[in-house]
Protein backbone atom coordinates (compact mmCIF):
# COMPACT_ATOMS: atom_id res chain seq x y z
CA MET A 1 75.50 -84.60 133.28
CA MET A 2 79.00 -83.35 132.39
CA LEU A 3 77.82 -82.84 128.60
CA GLU A 4 74.99 -80.53 129.76
CA ALA A 5 77.07 -78.58 131.98
CA ALA A 6 79.74 -78.17 129.07
CA LEU A 7 77.01 -77.20 126.79
CA ALA A 8 75.63 -74.72 129.21
CA TYR A 9 78.96 -73.14 129.79
CA VAL A 10 79.78 -72.71 126.11
CA HIS A 11 76.50 -71.17 125.50
CA LEU A 12 76.84 -68.67 128.32
CA ALA A 13 80.55 -67.85 127.48
CA ALA A 14 79.12 -67.07 123.86
CA ILE A 15 76.36 -65.06 125.01
CA LEU A 16 78.59 -62.80 127.33
CA SER A 17 81.02 -62.35 124.65
CA TRP A 18 78.35 -61.19 122.17
CA VAL A 19 76.95 -58.88 124.49
CA VAL A 20 80.40 -57.43 125.42
CA PHE A 21 81.05 -56.73 121.51
CA VAL A 22 77.64 -55.43 120.87
CA SER A 23 77.94 -53.10 123.82
CA SER A 24 81.35 -52.03 122.50
CA THR A 25 79.92 -51.04 119.31
CA ALA A 26 77.12 -49.06 120.73
CA ALA A 27 79.61 -47.34 122.81
CA LEU A 28 82.01 -46.40 120.18
CA ALA A 29 79.32 -45.37 117.53
CA ARG A 30 79.17 -41.80 118.82
CA ILE A 31 79.73 -38.85 116.53
CA GLU A 32 81.81 -36.84 119.02
CA TRP A 33 84.31 -39.78 118.98
CA LEU A 34 84.36 -40.74 115.35
CA ASN A 35 87.58 -40.55 113.54
CA PRO A 36 89.16 -42.97 111.14
CA ALA A 37 90.70 -45.01 113.68
CA VAL A 38 87.40 -45.48 115.19
CA VAL A 39 85.71 -46.37 111.91
CA ASN A 40 88.29 -49.13 111.61
CA ARG A 41 87.85 -50.27 115.12
CA LEU A 42 84.22 -50.53 114.79
CA VAL A 43 84.60 -52.62 111.93
CA VAL A 44 86.71 -55.10 113.87
CA VAL A 45 84.51 -54.85 117.01
CA ASP A 46 81.59 -55.79 114.72
CA ARG A 47 83.36 -58.74 113.30
CA ILE A 48 84.11 -60.29 116.58
CA ALA A 49 80.60 -59.59 117.70
CA PHE A 50 79.42 -61.33 114.49
CA VAL A 51 81.66 -64.38 115.40
CA ALA A 52 80.36 -64.20 118.82
CA GLY A 53 76.72 -64.25 117.53
CA GLY A 54 77.51 -67.26 115.40
CA ALA A 55 78.79 -68.94 118.64
CA VAL A 56 75.64 -68.19 120.42
CA LEU A 57 73.64 -69.74 117.72
CA ALA A 58 75.92 -72.82 117.40
CA SER A 59 75.98 -73.47 121.00
CA GLY A 60 72.35 -73.15 121.32
CA LEU A 61 71.59 -75.53 118.53
CA ALA A 62 74.25 -77.80 120.18
CA ARG A 63 72.29 -77.68 123.58
CA TRP A 64 69.05 -78.29 121.60
CA TRP A 65 70.48 -81.39 119.78
CA LEU A 66 72.79 -82.69 122.19
CA GLY A 67 71.08 -81.68 125.57
CA SER A 68 69.45 -83.88 127.92
CA LYS A 69 66.05 -82.74 127.10
CA GLY A 70 66.39 -83.52 123.45
CA VAL A 71 65.20 -82.32 120.15
CA ALA A 72 61.53 -83.42 120.55
CA TRP A 73 60.99 -81.72 123.84
CA TYR A 74 62.56 -78.43 122.66
CA ALA A 75 60.76 -78.41 119.31
CA HIS A 76 57.44 -77.98 120.98
CA GLN A 77 58.30 -75.22 123.21
CA PRO A 78 56.85 -71.85 122.36
CA LEU A 79 59.39 -70.21 124.62
CA LEU A 80 62.26 -71.75 122.46
CA TRP A 81 60.80 -70.20 119.46
CA ALA A 82 60.27 -66.90 121.08
CA LYS A 83 63.90 -66.93 121.96
CA LEU A 84 64.85 -67.88 118.25
CA VAL A 85 62.59 -64.90 116.87
CA LEU A 86 64.36 -62.53 119.11
CA PHE A 87 67.68 -63.62 118.09
CA VAL A 88 66.75 -63.48 114.38
CA VAL A 89 65.46 -59.76 115.00
CA MET A 90 68.91 -59.05 116.60
CA ALA A 91 70.68 -60.83 113.94
CA VAL A 92 68.90 -58.69 111.16
CA ALA A 93 69.89 -55.59 112.91
CA ALA A 94 73.40 -56.76 113.20
CA LEU A 95 73.64 -57.58 109.55
CA ARG A 96 72.27 -54.10 108.74
CA THR A 97 75.08 -52.68 110.93
CA ARG A 98 77.68 -54.71 109.53
CA ARG A 99 76.84 -53.35 106.13
CA ASP A 100 76.73 -49.75 107.11
CA LEU A 101 80.17 -50.16 109.00
CA ARG A 102 81.78 -51.81 105.95
CA GLU A 103 80.34 -48.86 103.87
CA TRP A 104 81.80 -46.37 106.16
CA GLN A 105 85.06 -48.04 105.90
CA ARG A 106 84.89 -48.05 102.19
CA ARG A 107 84.06 -44.44 101.98
CA LEU A 108 86.61 -43.48 104.21
CA ARG A 109 89.22 -45.49 102.18
CA VAL A 110 88.05 -44.20 98.83
CA ALA A 111 87.14 -40.58 99.56
CA GLY A 112 88.47 -39.81 103.05
CA GLU A 113 84.84 -39.27 104.20
CA LEU A 114 83.55 -39.98 107.64
CA PRO A 115 79.74 -40.55 107.83
CA ASP A 116 77.54 -37.82 108.83
CA ALA A 117 75.92 -37.29 112.40
CA ASP A 118 72.65 -38.59 111.40
CA ALA A 119 74.07 -41.96 109.99
CA VAL A 120 76.05 -42.43 113.34
CA ALA A 121 72.94 -41.82 115.40
CA ALA A 122 70.88 -44.08 113.40
CA LEU A 123 73.34 -46.97 113.69
CA ARG A 124 73.78 -46.34 117.25
CA LEU A 125 70.06 -46.44 117.90
CA ARG A 126 69.77 -49.62 116.00
CA VAL A 127 72.46 -51.35 117.88
CA MET A 128 70.85 -50.02 121.10
CA ARG A 129 67.51 -51.28 120.41
CA ALA A 130 68.72 -54.74 119.28
CA SER A 131 70.95 -54.96 122.32
CA HIS A 132 68.14 -54.29 124.78
CA LEU A 133 66.49 -57.31 123.33
CA VAL A 134 69.03 -59.20 124.97
CA LEU A 135 67.36 -58.55 128.25
CA VAL A 136 64.33 -60.37 127.22
CA LEU A 137 65.92 -63.59 126.31
CA PRO A 138 67.07 -64.69 129.74
CA VAL A 139 63.55 -64.49 130.86
CA ALA A 140 62.60 -67.05 128.41
CA ALA A 141 65.57 -69.05 129.04
CA VAL A 142 64.98 -69.20 132.87
CA LEU A 143 61.35 -70.09 132.17
CA LEU A 144 62.27 -72.83 129.61
CA ALA A 145 64.86 -74.27 131.91
CA ARG A 146 62.52 -74.69 134.88
CA GLY A 147 59.73 -76.07 132.80
CA ILE A 148 57.49 -73.07 133.31
CA TRP A 149 55.16 -72.19 130.42
CA THR A 150 56.25 -75.43 128.62
CA VAL A 151 54.13 -77.92 126.85
């Protein structure tokens, strides 16, 4: 029982950390605030969000493999697969954001150029869309934890 509680705590802490840094990315990605220091800060915040996202995945897999319900039970649950698909969608958006931020930083270093307003708006929109998917995950998690819509 203690292992289950510890796994749940680590997973929840990772999720909250991830949400904080993804939200920080969205908050900082505004053309009116963008300057060289903000571009560099965005890269750092994104790096932390990336690590937190990895911790979400690792802790989720630990719950799957070490949790009391076991791998066999979880493997047959459509809600778990729905959560994983949503996570992958968010991860793909995060990887594209990461690539764009590194390119902004590179161009800033090489040519002293900041991204244009359209690039900033597109990145912010992508981060906002992906971050709003986080609201769907707890619904699937709560239903799964309580055995609702499970097989």
